Each structure stands twice: as structure tokens, then as C-alpha cells.
């Protein structure tokens, strides 16, 4: 398992961004502000969101064909049940639907 992975992160009302995050349960829970739920997008991709987002009344944050998503979510790859970095070809596909802010390399140093 890799120590860090690159994900596509989307907060309600904000631009999607590429983000490098620790590959830990705690880091994933911090990104979605609670317990995680995974939704398979393709055989090697998942969308990770807040399991209790609707109950908590989090803001709408739709994804194509999943208009009922709420709260922050991220997309990452999967391999043998482990989270991995989102594949580059999927980033290209997502750019057809979303504006994607590139990760600020200096952000990790701050």
C-alpha cells in the first residue's frame, strides 16, 4: 500500500482539485468530514463520500448521474481492495465535466 495517493477532491460549491493525501482511514474521514462510504464508479475507481451526509444535512455536491450526493467527496483508484491514486486517464475524462484545479505543490510545505 502506498503511503500517499493522488485523488480528485470536490467540496460543495468549490472547484474540484487534485490533492495528494495520506492513504489512511483517518485522512479519508477528514476529507469527507465523517465516516466514509464508497460508491464504485468503474472496476478500478471509487467515489468516497460521507456515509451520514444526508442525515447531517450537508450541502448538495452532485456528481454526473448521482445528483443526490451531499458534502465533500473524492475519487480515487482501487486495486485489490486498497485505495490507489486516481489514474491519469480518468483525470482527463473528469476534465470534460469539471474544472480541475491543479495541486499547489507548496501547499504540502505550509
N, C-alpha and C. Protein backbone atom coordinates (compact mmCIF):
# COMPACT_ATOMS: atom_id res chain seq x y z
N UNK A 1 0.84 -1.18 0.00
CA UNK A 1 0.00 0.00 0.00
C UNK A 1 0.89 1.24 0.00
N UNK A 2 0.56 2.18 -0.86
CA UNK A 2 1.31 3.44 -0.94
C UNK A 2 0.98 4.31 0.27
N UNK A 3 1.99 5.08 0.76
CA UNK A 3 1.79 5.98 1.89
C UNK A 3 0.89 7.15 1.55
N UNK A 4 0.99 7.65 0.30
CA UNK A 4 0.17 8.77 -0.15
C UNK A 4 -0.41 8.43 -1.51
N UNK A 5 -1.61 8.99 -1.75
CA UNK A 5 -2.26 8.80 -3.05
C UNK A 5 -2.74 10.14 -3.58
N UNK A 6 -2.92 10.21 -4.90
CA UNK A 6 -3.46 11.41 -5.53
C UNK A 6 -4.93 11.16 -5.82
N UNK A 7 -5.76 12.10 -5.37
CA UNK A 7 -7.21 11.98 -5.54
C UNK A 7 -7.75 13.23 -6.23
N UNK A 8 -8.99 13.12 -6.69
CA UNK A 8 -9.74 14.28 -7.17
C UNK A 8 -10.73 14.61 -6.07
N UNK A 9 -10.60 15.79 -5.47
CA UNK A 9 -11.36 16.17 -4.29
C UNK A 9 -12.34 17.27 -4.64
N UNK A 10 -13.60 17.11 -4.20
CA UNK A 10 -14.64 18.10 -4.51
C UNK A 10 -15.41 18.45 -3.25
N UNK A 11 -15.40 19.74 -2.90
CA UNK A 11 -16.20 20.26 -1.81
C UNK A 11 -17.40 20.99 -2.40
N UNK A 12 -18.53 21.03 -1.68
CA UNK A 12 -19.70 21.72 -2.21
C UNK A 12 -19.39 23.19 -2.54
N UNK A 13 -19.80 23.60 -3.73
CA UNK A 13 -19.64 25.00 -4.13
C UNK A 13 -18.22 25.40 -4.49
N UNK A 14 -17.29 24.46 -4.53
CA UNK A 14 -15.89 24.78 -4.85
C UNK A 14 -15.44 24.00 -6.07
N UNK A 15 -14.34 24.45 -6.66
CA UNK A 15 -13.74 23.79 -7.81
C UNK A 15 -13.08 22.48 -7.37
N UNK A 16 -13.26 21.45 -8.19
CA UNK A 16 -12.57 20.18 -7.92
C UNK A 16 -11.07 20.41 -7.99
N UNK A 17 -10.32 19.70 -7.16
CA UNK A 17 -8.87 19.86 -7.21
C UNK A 17 -8.17 18.50 -7.08
N UNK A 18 -6.98 18.46 -7.62
CA UNK A 18 -6.12 17.29 -7.43
C UNK A 18 -5.42 17.49 -6.10
N UNK A 19 -5.36 16.44 -5.32
CA UNK A 19 -4.82 16.55 -3.98
C UNK A 19 -4.04 15.27 -3.65
N UNK A 20 -2.89 15.43 -3.01
CA UNK A 20 -2.13 14.29 -2.51
C UNK A 20 -2.42 14.15 -1.03
N UNK A 21 -2.87 12.97 -0.64
CA UNK A 21 -3.30 12.75 0.74
C UNK A 21 -2.67 11.47 1.30
N UNK A 22 -2.51 11.41 2.63
CA UNK A 22 -2.06 10.15 3.23
C UNK A 22 -3.08 9.05 2.95
N UNK A 23 -2.62 7.87 2.69
CA UNK A 23 -3.50 6.75 2.38
C UNK A 23 -3.87 6.03 3.68
N UNK A 24 -4.63 6.75 4.52
CA UNK A 24 -5.08 6.19 5.80
C UNK A 24 -6.57 6.42 5.96
N UNK A 25 -7.20 5.60 6.79
CA UNK A 25 -8.62 5.78 7.06
C UNK A 25 -8.88 7.14 7.68
N UNK A 26 -8.03 7.55 8.61
CA UNK A 26 -8.21 8.84 9.29
C UNK A 26 -8.20 9.99 8.28
N UNK A 27 -7.24 9.98 7.34
CA UNK A 27 -7.15 11.05 6.34
C UNK A 27 -8.38 11.06 5.44
N UNK A 28 -8.86 9.88 5.07
CA UNK A 28 -10.06 9.80 4.23
C UNK A 28 -11.28 10.35 4.97
N UNK A 29 -11.40 10.01 6.24
CA UNK A 29 -12.52 10.51 7.03
C UNK A 29 -12.44 12.03 7.20
N UNK A 30 -11.24 12.56 7.34
CA UNK A 30 -11.09 14.02 7.45
C UNK A 30 -11.52 14.71 6.16
N UNK A 31 -11.19 14.11 5.00
CA UNK A 31 -11.56 14.71 3.72
C UNK A 31 -13.08 14.81 3.55
N UNK A 32 -13.81 13.79 3.99
CA UNK A 32 -15.27 13.78 3.80
C UNK A 32 -16.02 14.22 5.06
N UNK A 33 -15.30 14.58 6.10
CA UNK A 33 -15.89 15.08 7.35
C UNK A 33 -16.79 14.05 8.03
N UNK A 34 -16.31 12.80 8.12
CA UNK A 34 -17.08 11.77 8.82
C UNK A 34 -16.75 10.38 8.33
N UNK A 35 -17.61 9.43 8.69
CA UNK A 35 -17.42 8.05 8.25
C UNK A 35 -17.51 7.97 6.73
N UNK A 36 -16.69 7.10 6.14
CA UNK A 36 -16.67 7.01 4.68
C UNK A 36 -17.63 5.96 4.15
N UNK A 37 -18.11 6.25 2.95
CA UNK A 37 -18.90 5.31 2.16
C UNK A 37 -18.28 5.31 0.77
N UNK A 38 -18.13 4.14 0.17
CA UNK A 38 -17.57 4.08 -1.18
C UNK A 38 -18.66 3.71 -2.18
N UNK A 39 -18.59 4.37 -3.33
CA UNK A 39 -19.52 4.09 -4.43
C UNK A 39 -18.65 3.75 -5.65
N UNK A 40 -18.81 2.54 -6.15
CA UNK A 40 -17.99 2.11 -7.30
C UNK A 40 -18.45 2.84 -8.56
N UNK A 41 -17.49 3.48 -9.22
CA UNK A 41 -17.77 4.19 -10.47
C UNK A 41 -17.42 3.31 -11.67
N UNK A 42 -16.35 2.56 -11.54
CA UNK A 42 -15.90 1.63 -12.57
C UNK A 42 -15.14 0.52 -11.84
N UNK A 43 -14.69 -0.51 -12.55
CA UNK A 43 -13.98 -1.60 -11.86
C UNK A 43 -12.76 -1.15 -11.05
N UNK A 44 -12.13 -0.04 -11.46
CA UNK A 44 -10.92 0.38 -10.75
C UNK A 44 -11.00 1.78 -10.16
N UNK A 45 -12.23 2.32 -10.00
CA UNK A 45 -12.43 3.65 -9.42
C UNK A 45 -13.57 3.65 -8.42
N UNK A 46 -13.39 4.43 -7.35
CA UNK A 46 -14.48 4.63 -6.39
C UNK A 46 -14.62 6.11 -6.07
N UNK A 47 -15.84 6.49 -5.72
CA UNK A 47 -16.12 7.80 -5.18
C UNK A 47 -16.31 7.58 -3.68
N UNK A 48 -15.60 8.35 -2.87
CA UNK A 48 -15.67 8.21 -1.42
C UNK A 48 -16.36 9.44 -0.86
N UNK A 49 -17.46 9.20 -0.11
CA UNK A 49 -18.24 10.30 0.43
C UNK A 49 -18.56 10.05 1.90
N UNK A 50 -19.29 10.98 2.50
CA UNK A 50 -19.68 10.88 3.90
C UNK A 50 -20.91 9.98 4.01
N UNK A 51 -20.78 8.92 4.77
CA UNK A 51 -21.85 7.93 4.93
C UNK A 51 -23.13 8.54 5.53
N UNK A 52 -22.98 9.55 6.38
CA UNK A 52 -24.12 10.14 7.06
C UNK A 52 -24.44 11.55 6.56
N UNK A 53 -23.94 11.90 5.39
CA UNK A 53 -24.09 13.25 4.87
C UNK A 53 -25.52 13.73 4.78
N UNK A 54 -26.42 12.90 4.29
CA UNK A 54 -27.83 13.30 4.16
C UNK A 54 -28.46 13.48 5.54
N UNK A 55 -28.17 12.57 6.46
CA UNK A 55 -28.72 12.67 7.82
C UNK A 55 -28.24 13.94 8.51
N UNK A 56 -27.01 14.35 8.22
CA UNK A 56 -26.42 15.54 8.84
C UNK A 56 -26.80 16.82 8.10
N UNK A 57 -27.48 16.70 6.98
CA UNK A 57 -27.92 17.87 6.23
C UNK A 57 -26.80 18.61 5.53
N UNK A 58 -25.78 17.86 5.06
CA UNK A 58 -24.67 18.51 4.36
C UNK A 58 -25.14 19.07 3.02
N UNK A 59 -24.41 20.06 2.52
CA UNK A 59 -24.77 20.74 1.26
C UNK A 59 -24.71 19.79 0.06
N UNK A 60 -25.61 19.98 -0.91
CA UNK A 60 -25.57 19.19 -2.14
C UNK A 60 -24.22 19.36 -2.86
N UNK A 61 -23.75 18.28 -3.44
CA UNK A 61 -22.48 18.29 -4.16
C UNK A 61 -22.56 17.20 -5.23
N UNK A 62 -23.36 17.43 -6.30
CA UNK A 62 -23.64 16.37 -7.26
C UNK A 62 -22.44 15.92 -8.09
N UNK A 63 -22.55 14.69 -8.54
CA UNK A 63 -21.62 14.06 -9.48
C UNK A 63 -22.51 13.59 -10.63
N UNK A 64 -22.02 13.61 -11.89
CA UNK A 64 -22.86 13.18 -13.01
C UNK A 64 -23.57 11.84 -12.72
N UNK A 65 -24.87 11.83 -12.93
CA UNK A 65 -25.76 10.68 -12.72
C UNK A 65 -25.90 10.28 -11.25
N UNK A 66 -25.36 11.07 -10.33
CA UNK A 66 -25.54 10.84 -8.89
C UNK A 66 -25.88 12.18 -8.26
N UNK A 67 -27.02 12.70 -8.58
CA UNK A 67 -27.39 14.06 -8.18
C UNK A 67 -27.72 14.20 -6.70
N UNK A 68 -27.86 13.10 -5.99
CA UNK A 68 -28.25 13.19 -4.59
C UNK A 68 -27.06 13.17 -3.63
N UNK A 69 -25.83 13.30 -4.13
CA UNK A 69 -24.65 13.34 -3.25
C UNK A 69 -24.62 14.66 -2.47
N UNK A 70 -24.14 14.57 -1.24
CA UNK A 70 -24.00 15.76 -0.40
C UNK A 70 -22.64 15.74 0.29
N UNK A 71 -22.19 16.93 0.68
CA UNK A 71 -20.92 17.03 1.41
C UNK A 71 -19.72 16.79 0.52
N UNK A 72 -18.53 16.91 1.09
CA UNK A 72 -17.31 16.70 0.32
C UNK A 72 -17.15 15.24 -0.08
N UNK A 73 -16.56 15.01 -1.24
CA UNK A 73 -16.25 13.67 -1.70
C UNK A 73 -14.96 13.70 -2.50
N UNK A 74 -14.39 12.51 -2.70
CA UNK A 74 -13.21 12.41 -3.56
C UNK A 74 -13.26 11.12 -4.37
N UNK A 75 -12.51 11.12 -5.45
CA UNK A 75 -12.41 9.97 -6.33
C UNK A 75 -10.98 9.46 -6.26
N UNK A 76 -10.86 8.14 -6.14
CA UNK A 76 -9.53 7.52 -6.15
C UNK A 76 -9.61 6.20 -6.89
N UNK A 77 -8.47 5.63 -7.16
CA UNK A 77 -8.41 4.31 -7.78
C UNK A 77 -8.51 3.24 -6.71
N UNK A 78 -8.71 2.00 -7.16
CA UNK A 78 -8.68 0.85 -6.25
C UNK A 78 -7.93 -0.29 -6.92
N UNK A 79 -7.26 -1.05 -6.08
CA UNK A 79 -6.58 -2.25 -6.57
C UNK A 79 -6.55 -3.25 -5.43
N UNK A 80 -7.17 -4.39 -5.66
CA UNK A 80 -7.24 -5.46 -4.65
C UNK A 80 -7.75 -4.95 -3.29
N UNK A 81 -8.78 -4.13 -3.34
CA UNK A 81 -9.41 -3.65 -2.12
C UNK A 81 -8.72 -2.49 -1.43
N UNK A 82 -7.64 -1.98 -2.00
CA UNK A 82 -6.90 -0.86 -1.41
C UNK A 82 -7.11 0.39 -2.27
N UNK A 83 -7.13 1.56 -1.62
CA UNK A 83 -7.19 2.81 -2.36
C UNK A 83 -5.84 3.07 -3.03
N UNK A 84 -5.91 3.58 -4.26
CA UNK A 84 -4.72 3.95 -5.02
C UNK A 84 -4.95 5.33 -5.64
N UNK A 85 -3.93 5.88 -6.25
CA UNK A 85 -4.07 7.16 -6.94
C UNK A 85 -5.05 7.03 -8.10
N UNK A 86 -5.76 8.11 -8.36
CA UNK A 86 -6.68 8.11 -9.49
C UNK A 86 -5.85 8.05 -10.77
N UNK A 87 -6.17 7.13 -11.70
CA UNK A 87 -5.39 7.01 -12.94
C UNK A 87 -5.45 8.29 -13.78
N UNK A 88 -4.35 8.62 -14.44
CA UNK A 88 -4.25 9.84 -15.24
C UNK A 88 -5.33 9.92 -16.32
N UNK A 89 -5.67 8.80 -16.94
CA UNK A 89 -6.69 8.85 -18.00
C UNK A 89 -8.06 9.24 -17.44
N UNK A 90 -8.33 8.93 -16.19
CA UNK A 90 -9.59 9.33 -15.60
C UNK A 90 -9.60 10.82 -15.28
N UNK A 91 -8.45 11.36 -14.94
CA UNK A 91 -8.37 12.81 -14.72
C UNK A 91 -8.77 13.52 -16.00
N UNK A 92 -8.29 13.02 -17.13
CA UNK A 92 -8.63 13.62 -18.42
C UNK A 92 -10.13 13.54 -18.66
N UNK A 93 -10.75 12.41 -18.36
CA UNK A 93 -12.20 12.27 -18.54
C UNK A 93 -12.95 13.25 -17.63
N UNK A 94 -12.53 13.37 -16.38
CA UNK A 94 -13.20 14.26 -15.45
C UNK A 94 -13.10 15.72 -15.88
N UNK A 95 -12.04 16.07 -16.61
CA UNK A 95 -11.90 17.43 -17.10
C UNK A 95 -12.97 17.78 -18.13
N UNK A 96 -13.67 16.77 -18.66
CA UNK A 96 -14.76 17.02 -19.59
C UNK A 96 -16.01 17.50 -18.84
N UNK A 97 -16.09 17.21 -17.54
CA UNK A 97 -17.26 17.54 -16.72
C UNK A 97 -17.01 18.63 -15.69
N UNK A 98 -15.78 18.73 -15.20
CA UNK A 98 -15.44 19.63 -14.11
C UNK A 98 -14.20 20.45 -14.47
N UNK A 99 -14.11 21.63 -13.91
CA UNK A 99 -12.84 22.36 -13.92
C UNK A 99 -12.03 21.75 -12.79
N UNK A 100 -10.78 21.42 -13.06
CA UNK A 100 -9.94 20.80 -12.04
C UNK A 100 -8.74 21.69 -11.76
N UNK A 101 -8.67 22.14 -10.54
CA UNK A 101 -7.54 22.97 -10.10
C UNK A 101 -6.36 22.04 -9.82
N UNK A 102 -5.23 22.38 -10.37
CA UNK A 102 -4.04 21.58 -10.13
C UNK A 102 -3.57 21.79 -8.70
N UNK A 103 -2.98 20.79 -8.13
CA UNK A 103 -2.50 20.85 -6.76
C UNK A 103 -1.38 21.87 -6.63
N UNK A 104 -1.44 22.64 -5.57
CA UNK A 104 -0.40 23.61 -5.26
C UNK A 104 0.74 22.86 -4.59
N UNK A 105 1.86 22.73 -5.28
CA UNK A 105 3.00 21.98 -4.75
C UNK A 105 3.49 22.55 -3.42
N UNK A 106 3.35 23.85 -3.23
CA UNK A 106 3.81 24.48 -1.99
C UNK A 106 2.86 24.22 -0.83
N UNK A 107 1.63 23.79 -1.13
CA UNK A 107 0.62 23.61 -0.08
C UNK A 107 1.05 22.58 0.95
N UNK A 108 1.77 21.53 0.52
CA UNK A 108 2.20 20.50 1.45
C UNK A 108 3.26 21.01 2.41
N UNK A 109 4.01 22.02 1.98
CA UNK A 109 5.09 22.55 2.80
C UNK A 109 4.57 23.50 3.86
N UNK A 110 3.40 24.09 3.67
CA UNK A 110 2.85 25.08 4.59
C UNK A 110 2.28 24.47 5.84
